[in-house]
Amino acid sequence: MPTVPLPDDPDLGQLRKQARDLQTNVRSGWMGSLDLVAELHPDGAPADPARWPLHAAQLVLARLYRFPSWPALVRHVGIVTEHRRVPDTAPPSDDPATEFLRRACLTFGAADGPLQASAAVVLAEHPGIARDDVWVAAARADVGEVARLLAADPGLAVREGGPHRWSPIAYLAFARHDPAPGRDAVVATARLLLEHGADPDTGYLWHGLPSPFTVLTGAFGGGEGGQPAHPHGPELARVLLEAGADPNDAQTLYNRMFTPADDHLELLLEFGLGRGAGGPWRRRLGAALDSPTEMLRQQLDWAVTHGLVARVALLAGHGVDVAAPLPGRYGVAQRPPYVVATTSGRFAVAELLERLGAAVELLPEERVIAAVLAGDRSAADDPDALALARAVRPGLVVWAAVAAGPEAVRLAVELGWDVSARARTDVPSEQGWETALHHAARQGDAELARLLLDLGADPGVRDGRFDATAADWAGHAGHPELLSDLGGARPER
């Protein structure tokens, strides 16, 4: 029986109920539960199921969720509960200071951007909130006011408050309001708070997820929603790192990996990214958080898959092994970086890896996949390898549309790949997320959409996550000009 990760945002009450339900099912003789117990309990299946105790059910449940004991699981849930914050759900407040802070700081929710831009309105209407509130003063990098307040009460440097129950240094790091404070004020405010005991590893768990949003995360910015960096992020990050912040910051690495800029990596590597035990957050969360080595492997995986040549070179230059197999996620097996690069159509990365001595021999089906993505018709030379390539990468048309271009798309269809197959578009995985036509619709790429339709793409196919057609995607993404081609109705004006 395979173990499973603990559900996001775990609730101890629900876990206790699961343990009681497991006990009930075992006492009732339900085979599924008895098999689970036989696999995960050190004593195996109970000799007398009718008398099976609750503590045994708790141990099995803990092991199912990859914890050695029920107390270890309870401890973990307690840590998550303590550090859990949900800034994107903070309601509007009648208190002007609270409302300013709610609007001023990144929430990593749908409102980011316009929300922070509106913070200035609150301050203009209530200028008095700029005094006597350490959290507002920190968000504004008002070093004089922060100094005055700390002189009167040094404990304010670590006191949680405001709409998110953050300490002042977190409001400083996540603030994005206009007008932005100056660099010298940001640096001085950070140093003042740190001198008075603020923790450079301060952070929170967004909705209880195990990757901490630390003050380094706030300084570096970025994210799936395109959240902006702090206006003086590198300077603020350096102050935090010099004060002892652990550079193995998983959320920073995730938030910033989507764009080619590497300034965050360069600074984190300078301070020891990839080394050490992982700092206070990994001590708290254990294996729920990647190790420093695993973090760098994930960064290399993304860089190779997405053709970020400079990032691959940077990581290689700092000792990251570019020959060892990459982690293998999303249903993709572990493979050497060179294989991943060539079968992802990232030929510039493959050339770099070859120069670094990390090239390996490709399997016949891998050579076919690489040839298709290169638009090379020699892909058809070996019928057996071609058939195997179609079997192992049935959704190749999707990735060809994302990473290779129209010639590769056309060649793949000519060689027998299904033009309406579903796969992922963020990574080369066969998980059935969406078709190439969905991708064209989201991107507003009329030329690609027409090519796919000419090749026989079915506009009626629905994606595997939202149960929507390509026309639905075009409408949602703001590309009404594609709707008639995709079989959708144009919105009335």
Protein backbone atom coordinates (compact mmCIF):
# COMPACT_ATOMS: atom_id res chain seq x y z
CA MET A 1 0.00 0.00 0.00
CA PRO A 2 1.74 3.24 -1.07
CA THR A 3 1.94 6.12 1.33
CA VAL A 4 0.51 9.52 0.39
CA PRO A 5 1.42 13.12 1.21
CA LEU A 6 -0.50 14.83 3.96
CA PRO A 7 -3.41 16.85 2.52
CA ASP A 8 -2.87 20.56 2.10
CA ASP A 9 -3.95 22.70 5.04
CA PRO A 10 -4.36 19.69 7.37
CA ASP A 11 -6.96 19.76 10.11
CA LEU A 12 -6.31 17.78 13.30
CA GLY A 13 -10.01 17.23 13.90
CA GLN A 14 -10.40 15.64 10.47
CA LEU A 15 -7.35 13.45 11.05
CA ARG A 16 -8.76 12.25 14.36
CA LYS A 17 -12.02 11.42 12.60
CA GLN A 18 -10.10 9.49 9.93
CA ALA A 19 -8.39 7.45 12.65
CA ARG A 20 -11.71 6.67 14.31
CA ASP A 21 -13.22 5.72 10.95
CA LEU A 22 -10.28 3.41 10.26
CA GLN A 23 -10.75 1.78 13.66
CA THR A 24 -14.45 1.28 12.94
CA ASN A 25 -13.77 -0.23 9.52
CA VAL A 26 -11.15 -2.61 10.89
CA ARG A 27 -13.47 -3.73 13.70
CA SER A 28 -16.15 -4.30 11.05
CA GLY A 29 -13.76 -6.49 9.07
CA TRP A 30 -13.62 -4.31 5.95
CA MET A 31 -10.91 -5.84 3.75
CA GLY A 32 -9.55 -2.54 2.40
CA SER A 33 -8.81 -1.31 5.91
CA LEU A 34 -7.42 -4.66 7.01
CA ASP A 35 -5.05 -4.63 4.04
CA LEU A 36 -3.93 -1.12 4.96
CA VAL A 37 -3.23 -2.20 8.52
CA ALA A 38 -1.37 -5.30 7.38
CA GLU A 39 0.89 -3.12 5.23
CA LEU A 40 1.55 -0.22 7.59
CA HIS A 41 1.25 -1.42 11.19
CA PRO A 42 4.45 -2.98 12.61
CA ASP A 43 2.41 -5.89 14.01
CA GLY A 44 0.55 -6.48 10.77
CA ALA A 45 -3.14 -7.33 10.64
CA PRO A 46 -4.80 -7.63 14.07
CA ALA A 47 -5.48 -11.10 15.45
CA ASP A 48 -8.74 -9.83 16.98
CA PRO A 49 -10.12 -7.01 14.77
CA ALA A 50 -13.11 -6.49 17.07
CA ARG A 51 -10.78 -5.26 19.84
CA TRP A 52 -8.43 -3.21 17.67
CA PRO A 53 -7.50 -0.02 19.62
CA LEU A 54 -7.65 3.60 18.49
CA HIS A 55 -3.94 4.20 19.09
CA ALA A 56 -3.17 1.50 16.52
CA ALA A 57 -5.41 3.25 13.98
CA GLN A 58 -3.65 6.52 14.69
CA LEU A 59 -0.25 4.92 14.06
CA VAL A 60 -1.40 3.45 10.74
CA LEU A 61 -2.83 6.79 9.65
CA ALA A 62 0.40 8.58 10.59
CA ARG A 63 2.44 6.08 8.58
CA LEU A 64 0.05 6.41 5.65
CA TYR A 65 0.89 10.14 5.65
CA ARG A 66 4.63 9.40 5.94
CA PHE A 67 5.08 10.21 9.63
CA PRO A 68 6.76 7.73 12.01
CA SER A 69 4.15 8.13 14.75
CA TRP A 70 0.87 9.79 15.63
CA PRO A 71 2.59 12.31 17.98
CA ALA A 72 4.90 13.30 15.11
CA LEU A 73 1.89 13.89 12.88
CA VAL A 74 0.13 15.90 15.60
CA ARG A 75 3.26 17.99 16.14
CA HIS A 76 3.49 18.74 12.42
CA VAL A 77 -0.15 19.78 12.20
CA GLY A 78 0.39 22.03 15.22
CA ILE A 79 3.31 23.76 13.49
CA VAL A 80 1.24 24.24 10.34
CA THR A 81 -1.65 25.65 12.36
CA GLU A 82 0.66 28.04 14.22
CA HIS A 83 2.18 29.47 11.06
CA ARG A 84 -0.85 29.26 8.77
CA ARG A 85 -2.00 32.57 7.29
CA VAL A 86 -4.53 33.35 4.55
CA PRO A 87 -3.74 36.93 3.48
CA ASP A 88 -5.77 36.68 0.27
CA THR A 89 -8.98 36.18 2.27
CA ALA A 90 -8.52 39.05 4.76
CA PRO A 91 -11.80 41.02 4.70
CA PRO A 92 -11.98 44.80 4.27
CA SER A 93 -11.67 46.64 7.57
CA ASP A 94 -13.25 49.78 8.98
CA ASP A 95 -9.96 50.50 10.73
CA PRO A 96 -7.88 52.64 8.32
CA ALA A 97 -4.50 51.27 9.47
CA THR A 98 -5.64 47.68 9.08
CA GLU A 99 -7.19 48.45 5.70
CA PHE A 100 -4.03 50.17 4.47
CA LEU A 101 -1.95 47.13 5.38
CA ARG A 102 -4.47 44.76 3.79
CA ARG A 103 -4.20 46.64 0.53
CA ALA A 104 -0.49 47.46 0.66
CA CYS A 105 0.97 43.96 0.83
CA LEU A 106 1.09 41.04 -1.59
CA THR A 107 -1.48 38.39 -0.79
CA PHE A 108 -0.64 35.97 -3.63
CA GLY A 109 -4.31 36.00 -4.55
CA ALA A 110 -6.30 37.17 -7.55
CA ALA A 111 -6.49 40.78 -6.35
CA ASP A 112 -2.74 41.40 -6.34
CA GLY A 113 -1.76 44.44 -8.36
CA PRO A 114 -4.91 46.58 -8.24
CA LEU A 115 -5.22 45.92 -4.51
CA GLN A 116 -1.76 47.29 -3.73
CA ALA A 117 -2.27 50.26 -6.05
CA SER A 118 -5.33 51.25 -4.03
CA ALA A 119 -3.47 51.46 -0.72
CA ALA A 120 -2.45 55.08 -1.36
CA VAL A 121 -6.12 56.10 -1.29
CA VAL A 122 -6.46 54.94 2.31
CA LEU A 123 -3.32 56.79 3.36
CA ALA A 124 -4.43 59.96 1.62
CA GLU A 125 -7.80 59.87 3.35
CA HIS A 126 -6.34 58.97 6.75
CA PRO A 127 -2.81 60.45 7.02
CA GLY A 128 -2.85 59.95 10.79
CA ILE A 129 -2.32 56.21 10.43
CA ALA A 130 1.30 56.92 9.48
CA ARG A 131 2.03 57.52 13.18
CA ASP A 132 1.89 55.27 16.23
CA ASP A 133 1.47 52.01 14.27
CA VAL A 134 4.68 49.99 13.91
CA TRP A 135 3.22 47.75 11.20
CA VAL A 136 2.15 50.69 9.02
CA ALA A 137 5.49 52.39 9.69
CA ALA A 138 7.37 49.25 8.66
CA ALA A 139 5.31 48.79 5.48
CA ARG A 140 6.07 52.41 4.55
CA ALA A 141 9.74 52.04 5.57
CA ASP A 142 9.30 55.11 7.78
CA VAL A 143 12.57 54.58 9.60
CA GLY A 144 12.12 57.59 11.87
CA GLU A 145 8.72 56.43 13.11
CA VAL A 146 9.93 52.83 13.50
CA ALA A 147 12.90 54.07 15.53
CA ARG A 148 10.66 56.19 17.75
CA LEU A 149 8.26 53.32 18.41
CA LEU A 150 11.03 50.80 19.11
CA ALA A 151 12.72 53.18 21.49
CA ALA A 152 9.53 53.24 23.52
CA ASP A 153 8.84 49.50 23.22
CA PRO A 154 11.63 47.29 21.73
CA GLY A 155 9.29 44.30 21.77
CA LEU A 156 7.34 45.78 18.89
CA ALA A 157 10.03 44.48 16.52
CA VAL A 158 8.64 40.94 16.85
CA ARG A 159 5.02 41.63 17.73
CA GLU A 160 2.42 40.26 15.34
CA GLY A 161 -0.42 42.52 14.27
CA GLY A 162 -2.32 44.01 11.39
CA PRO A 163 -4.72 42.11 9.13
CA HIS A 164 -2.39 39.14 8.57
CA ARG A 165 -0.93 38.67 12.06
CA TRP A 166 2.54 39.42 10.71
CA SER A 167 5.49 40.97 12.50
CA PRO A 168 6.67 44.39 11.19
CA ILE A 169 9.51 43.01 9.06
CA ALA A 170 7.04 40.91 7.04
CA TYR A 171 4.98 44.00 6.21
CA LEU A 172 8.19 45.70 5.09
CA ALA A 173 9.12 42.77 2.85
CA PHE A 174 5.72 42.18 1.24
CA ALA A 175 4.67 45.83 0.80
CA ARG A 176 4.15 46.95 -2.81
CA HIS A 177 2.21 50.20 -2.43
CA ASP A 178 2.70 53.50 -4.22
CA PRO A 179 4.65 55.63 -3.79
CA ALA A 180 7.38 53.08 -3.10
CA PRO A 181 9.76 53.92 -0.26
CA GLY A 182 13.37 54.74 -1.07
CA ARG A 183 16.19 52.22 -0.98
CA ASP A 184 18.01 53.78 1.97
CA ALA A 185 14.80 53.87 4.01
CA VAL A 186 14.04 50.21 3.29
CA VAL A 187 17.54 49.07 4.22
CA ALA A 188 17.64 51.21 7.36
CA THR A 189 14.21 50.01 8.49
CA ALA A 190 15.17 46.38 7.99
CA ARG A 191 18.42 46.80 9.91
CA LEU A 192 16.64 48.61 12.74
CA LEU A 193 14.06 45.83 13.10
CA LEU A 194 16.76 43.15 12.97
CA GLU A 195 18.85 44.95 15.58
CA HIS A 196 15.81 44.86 17.87
CA GLY A 197 15.32 41.12 17.50
CA ALA A 198 13.33 40.63 14.31
CA ASP A 199 13.94 37.15 12.87
CA PRO A 200 15.48 37.19 9.36
CA ASP A 201 13.72 33.85 8.74
CA THR A 202 10.29 35.25 9.60
CA GLY A 203 7.60 33.72 7.43
CA TYR A 204 4.20 32.11 7.22
CA LEU A 205 2.53 29.12 5.54
CA TRP A 206 0.10 30.32 2.88
CA HIS A 207 -3.15 28.41 3.50
CA GLY A 208 -1.09 25.91 5.49
CA LEU A 209 0.93 24.77 2.47
CA PRO A 210 4.39 23.49 3.43
CA SER A 211 6.51 25.98 1.48
CA PRO A 212 7.06 29.00 3.75
CA PHE A 213 6.58 32.52 2.43
CA THR A 214 9.52 34.13 4.22
CA VAL A 215 10.68 37.72 4.26
CA LEU A 216 13.20 36.67 1.59
CA THR A 217 10.23 35.51 -0.48
CA GLY A 218 8.72 38.95 -0.05
CA ALA A 219 11.92 40.72 -1.00
CA PHE A 220 12.44 38.72 -4.20
CA GLY A 221 8.80 38.74 -5.29
CA GLY A 222 7.46 36.93 -8.32
CA GLY A 223 4.89 34.16 -8.36
CA GLU A 224 2.36 32.42 -10.56
CA GLY A 225 0.32 35.61 -10.77
CA GLY A 226 3.29 37.69 -11.90
CA GLN A 227 3.63 39.45 -8.55
CA PRO A 228 6.24 42.20 -8.70
CA ALA A 229 9.56 42.19 -6.92
CA HIS A 230 10.13 44.53 -4.02
CA PRO A 231 11.32 47.89 -5.45
CA HIS A 232 14.56 47.38 -3.54
CA GLY A 233 14.48 43.61 -3.32
CA PRO A 234 18.16 42.78 -3.86
CA GLU A 235 19.28 45.30 -1.24
CA LEU A 236 16.66 44.11 1.25
CA ALA A 237 17.48 40.46 0.57
CA ARG A 238 21.18 41.09 1.13
CA VAL A 239 20.47 42.70 4.51
CA LEU A 240 18.37 39.68 5.51
CA LEU A 241 20.99 37.19 4.34
CA GLU A 242 23.78 39.06 6.12
CA ALA A 243 21.64 38.87 9.26
CA GLY A 244 21.48 35.09 8.96
CA ALA A 245 18.44 34.32 6.79
CA ASP A 246 18.75 30.81 5.40
CA PRO A 247 19.32 31.03 1.63
CA ASN A 248 17.51 27.74 0.97
CA ASP A 249 14.23 29.52 0.38
CA ALA A 250 11.90 27.17 -1.48
CA GLN A 251 9.15 29.68 -2.19
CA THR A 252 11.55 32.27 -3.60
CA LEU A 253 12.97 29.63 -5.93
CA TYR A 254 9.49 28.66 -7.08
CA ASN A 255 8.18 32.20 -7.49
CA ARG A 256 11.16 33.34 -9.53
CA MET A 257 11.75 30.28 -11.69
CA PHE A 258 9.20 31.26 -14.35
CA THR A 259 11.24 34.12 -15.82
CA PRO A 260 14.84 34.00 -17.10
CA ALA A 261 16.25 36.54 -14.63
CA ASP A 262 18.78 34.93 -12.28
CA ASP A 263 19.69 37.77 -9.89
CA HIS A 264 17.89 35.98 -7.04
CA LEU A 265 19.82 32.76 -7.67
CA GLU A 266 23.14 34.54 -7.85
CA LEU A 267 22.57 36.20 -4.49
CA LEU A 268 21.24 33.06 -2.80
CA LEU A 269 24.12 30.98 -4.16
CA GLU A 270 26.57 33.57 -2.82
CA PHE A 271 25.14 32.96 0.66
CA GLY A 272 25.08 29.16 0.48
CA LEU A 273 21.98 28.02 -1.42
CA GLY A 274 22.12 24.25 -1.79
CA ARG A 275 24.23 23.73 1.32
CA GLY A 276 23.43 23.14 4.96
CA ALA A 277 20.46 21.40 6.54
CA GLY A 278 17.75 23.78 5.36
CA GLY A 279 17.48 26.18 8.27
CA PRO A 280 14.69 26.66 10.83
CA TRP A 281 11.83 25.97 8.43
CA ARG A 282 13.11 22.51 7.53
CA ARG A 283 13.66 21.82 11.21
CA ARG A 284 10.00 22.65 11.72
CA LEU A 285 8.56 20.91 8.67
CA GLY A 286 11.00 18.07 8.08
CA ALA A 287 10.59 16.09 4.88
CA ALA A 288 7.48 18.08 3.94
CA LEU A 289 9.98 20.68 2.69
CA ASP A 290 12.61 19.80 0.08
CA SER A 291 16.21 19.55 1.21
CA PRO A 292 18.69 22.15 -0.11
CA THR A 293 20.04 19.60 -2.60
CA GLU A 294 16.53 18.74 -3.80
CA MET A 295 15.73 22.43 -4.25
CA LEU A 296 18.64 22.85 -6.64
CA ARG A 297 17.74 19.68 -8.54
CA GLN A 298 14.24 21.08 -9.07
CA GLN A 299 15.73 24.34 -10.32
CA LEU A 300 17.93 22.47 -12.77
CA ASP A 301 14.95 20.41 -13.94
CA TRP A 302 12.91 23.53 -14.71
CA ALA A 303 15.83 25.30 -16.38
CA VAL A 304 16.62 22.33 -18.63
CA THR A 305 12.98 21.76 -19.55
CA HIS A 306 12.37 25.41 -20.37
CA GLY A 307 15.57 26.18 -22.23
CA LEU A 308 17.09 28.53 -19.65
CA VAL A 309 20.68 28.13 -20.82
CA ALA A 310 22.17 30.78 -18.55
CA ARG A 311 20.52 29.25 -15.50
CA VAL A 312 21.82 25.79 -16.34
CA ALA A 313 25.32 27.26 -16.73
CA LEU A 314 24.98 29.15 -13.44
CA LEU A 315 23.91 26.04 -11.55
CA ALA A 316 26.64 23.95 -13.16
CA GLY A 317 29.19 26.59 -12.23
CA HIS A 318 28.15 26.25 -8.58
CA GLY A 319 28.64 22.52 -8.51
CA VAL A 320 25.17 21.23 -9.34
CA ASP A 321 25.52 17.82 -10.98
CA VAL A 322 24.32 18.18 -14.58
CA ALA A 323 24.76 14.48 -15.37
CA ALA A 324 22.74 12.84 -12.59
CA PRO A 325 19.09 12.05 -13.40
CA LEU A 326 16.58 14.79 -12.76
CA PRO A 327 13.88 14.21 -10.13
CA GLY A 328 11.13 12.99 -12.44
CA ARG A 329 7.67 14.38 -11.63
CA TYR A 330 4.21 14.68 -13.16
CA GLY A 331 4.32 11.10 -14.38
CA VAL A 332 7.73 11.55 -16.02
CA ALA A 333 10.46 9.06 -15.17
CA GLN A 334 13.86 10.15 -13.89
CA ARG A 335 16.19 10.86 -16.81
CA PRO A 336 19.55 12.56 -17.30
CA PRO A 337 19.42 16.30 -18.06
CA TYR A 338 20.77 15.74 -21.58
CA VAL A 339 17.89 13.40 -22.41
CA VAL A 340 15.37 15.81 -20.90
CA ALA A 341 16.82 18.69 -22.93
CA THR A 342 16.78 16.88 -26.26
CA THR A 343 13.34 15.33 -25.81
CA SER A 344 11.98 18.73 -24.73
CA GLY A 345 13.30 20.46 -27.84
CA ARG A 346 15.79 22.50 -25.80
CA PHE A 347 18.72 22.02 -28.13
CA ALA A 348 20.77 25.01 -26.89
CA VAL A 349 20.69 23.47 -23.40
CA ALA A 350 21.67 20.11 -24.88
CA GLU A 351 24.67 21.73 -26.60
CA LEU A 352 25.75 23.28 -23.30
CA LEU A 353 25.42 19.94 -21.51
CA GLU A 354 27.44 18.29 -24.25
CA ARG A 355 30.23 20.86 -23.74
CA LEU A 356 30.07 20.12 -20.01
CA GLY A 357 30.56 16.43 -20.67
CA ALA A 358 27.03 15.45 -19.71
CA ALA A 359 25.86 14.04 -23.06
CA VAL A 360 24.52 10.48 -23.08
CA GLU A 361 23.35 8.10 -25.81
CA LEU A 362 19.66 8.50 -26.62
CA LEU A 363 17.30 5.58 -26.95
CA PRO A 364 15.82 5.11 -30.45
CA GLU A 365 12.43 6.51 -29.43
CA GLU A 366 14.14 9.48 -27.77
CA ARG A 367 15.97 10.24 -30.99
CA VAL A 368 12.65 10.22 -32.83
CA ILE A 369 11.07 12.62 -30.32
CA ALA A 370 14.05 14.98 -30.57
CA ALA A 371 13.91 14.85 -34.36
CA VAL A 372 10.19 15.67 -34.42
CA LEU A 373 10.71 18.66 -32.14
CA ALA A 374 13.53 19.81 -34.42
CA GLY A 375 11.28 19.48 -37.46
CA ASP A 376 13.63 16.82 -38.84
CA ARG A 377 11.93 14.31 -41.13
CA SER A 378 14.51 11.66 -40.36
CA ALA A 379 12.16 10.92 -37.46
CA ALA A 380 10.32 8.62 -39.88
CA ASP A 381 13.37 6.55 -40.80
CA ASP A 382 12.87 3.85 -38.14
CA PRO A 383 9.20 2.72 -38.08
CA ASP A 384 9.62 0.67 -34.90
CA ALA A 385 11.21 3.57 -33.02
CA LEU A 386 8.52 5.91 -34.37
CA ALA A 387 5.76 3.63 -33.10
CA LEU A 388 7.41 3.44 -29.68
CA ALA A 389 7.84 7.23 -29.59
CA ARG A 390 4.12 7.67 -30.25
CA ALA A 391 3.38 5.24 -27.43
CA VAL A 392 5.60 6.89 -24.82
CA ARG A 393 4.71 10.49 -25.75
CA PRO A 394 1.14 10.40 -27.09
CA GLY A 395 0.63 14.10 -26.31
CA LEU A 396 3.74 15.29 -28.15
CA VAL A 397 1.73 17.68 -30.37
CA VAL A 398 0.91 19.71 -27.26
CA TRP A 399 4.54 20.19 -26.28
CA ALA A 400 5.52 20.82 -29.90
CA ALA A 401 3.00 23.66 -29.97
CA VAL A 402 4.44 25.10 -26.77
CA ALA A 403 8.16 24.69 -27.30
CA ALA A 404 8.97 23.86 -30.92
CA GLY A 405 6.77 25.67 -33.41
CA PRO A 406 4.50 25.02 -36.40
CA GLU A 407 6.89 22.82 -38.39
CA ALA A 408 7.22 20.41 -35.49
CA VAL A 409 3.47 20.41 -34.97
CA ARG A 410 2.84 19.68 -38.65
CA LEU A 411 5.48 16.92 -38.72
CA ALA A 412 4.14 15.25 -35.58
CA VAL A 413 0.64 15.06 -37.04
CA GLU A 414 1.94 13.75 -40.36
CA LEU A 415 3.79 11.00 -38.47
CA GLY A 416 0.66 9.84 -36.71
CA TRP A 417 0.40 11.84 -33.50
CA ASP A 418 -3.12 12.84 -32.46
CA VAL A 419 -3.58 16.58 -33.04
CA SER A 420 -6.32 16.64 -30.37
CA ALA A 421 -4.39 14.75 -27.70
CA ARG A 422 -4.22 16.27 -24.24
CA ALA A 423 -1.05 16.82 -22.20
CA ARG A 424 0.48 19.48 -19.98
CA THR A 425 1.72 22.75 -21.40
CA ASP A 426 3.88 23.91 -18.49
CA VAL A 427 6.11 20.83 -18.51
CA PRO A 428 6.54 17.99 -21.04
CA SER A 429 4.23 15.55 -19.28
CA GLU A 430 1.51 13.27 -20.60
CA GLN A 431 -0.94 14.24 -17.86
CA GLY A 432 -4.15 14.98 -19.75
CA TRP A 433 -4.57 18.67 -19.04
CA GLU A 434 -5.31 20.36 -22.38
CA THR A 435 -4.87 20.18 -26.13
CA ALA A 436 -2.58 22.24 -28.33
CA LEU A 437 -5.68 24.12 -29.46
CA HIS A 438 -6.40 25.11 -25.86
CA HIS A 439 -2.86 26.43 -25.66
CA ALA A 440 -3.28 28.48 -28.84
CA ALA A 441 -6.58 29.86 -27.54
CA ARG A 442 -5.10 30.92 -24.21
CA GLN A 443 -2.14 32.58 -25.93
CA GLY A 444 -4.32 34.31 -28.52
CA ASP A 445 -2.20 32.70 -31.25
CA ALA A 446 -4.52 32.81 -34.27
CA GLU A 447 -1.90 31.43 -36.66
CA LEU A 448 -1.27 28.37 -34.51
CA ALA A 449 -4.98 27.85 -33.96
CA ARG A 450 -5.63 27.91 -37.73
CA LEU A 451 -2.80 25.44 -38.34
CA LEU A 452 -4.17 23.04 -35.75
CA LEU A 453 -7.69 23.30 -37.16
CA ASP A 454 -6.37 22.71 -40.67
CA LEU A 455 -4.62 19.59 -39.35
CA GLY A 456 -7.91 18.31 -37.96
CA ALA A 457 -7.95 19.52 -34.36
CA ASP A 458 -11.39 19.07 -32.79
CA PRO A 459 -12.56 22.35 -31.22
CA GLY A 460 -15.13 20.43 -29.21
CA VAL A 461 -12.55 18.62 -27.06
CA ARG A 462 -12.70 19.72 -23.44
CA ASP A 463 -9.66 20.07 -21.22
CA GLY A 464 -9.03 17.69 -18.36
CA ARG A 465 -9.06 20.22 -15.54
CA PHE A 466 -11.82 22.75 -16.17
CA ASP A 467 -14.00 20.79 -18.62
CA ALA A 468 -13.86 23.69 -21.09
CA THR A 469 -13.43 23.97 -24.84
CA ALA A 470 -10.73 25.96 -26.60
CA ALA A 471 -13.37 28.62 -27.34
CA ASP A 472 -14.08 28.83 -23.61
CA TRP A 473 -10.38 29.36 -22.99
CA ALA A 474 -10.15 32.07 -25.64
CA GLY A 475 -13.07 33.94 -24.08
CA HIS A 476 -11.67 33.62 -20.58
CA ALA A 477 -8.22 34.81 -21.69
CA GLY A 478 -9.64 37.85 -23.48
CA HIS A 479 -9.19 36.76 -27.10
CA PRO A 480 -12.69 37.16 -28.59
CA GLU A 481 -11.25 37.41 -32.09
CA LEU A 482 -10.61 33.64 -31.99
CA LEU A 483 -14.11 32.63 -30.98
CA SER A 484 -15.65 32.29 -34.43
CA ASP A 485 -12.80 30.06 -35.63
CA LEU A 486 -13.05 27.92 -32.50
CA GLY A 487 -16.80 27.49 -32.68
CA GLY A 488 -17.68 29.91 -29.92
CA ALA A 489 -19.98 32.91 -29.99
CA ARG A 490 -18.50 36.38 -29.97
CA PRO A 491 -19.63 38.46 -26.98
CA GLU A 492 -22.22 41.12 -27.81
CA ARG A 493 -21.00 44.69 -27.72
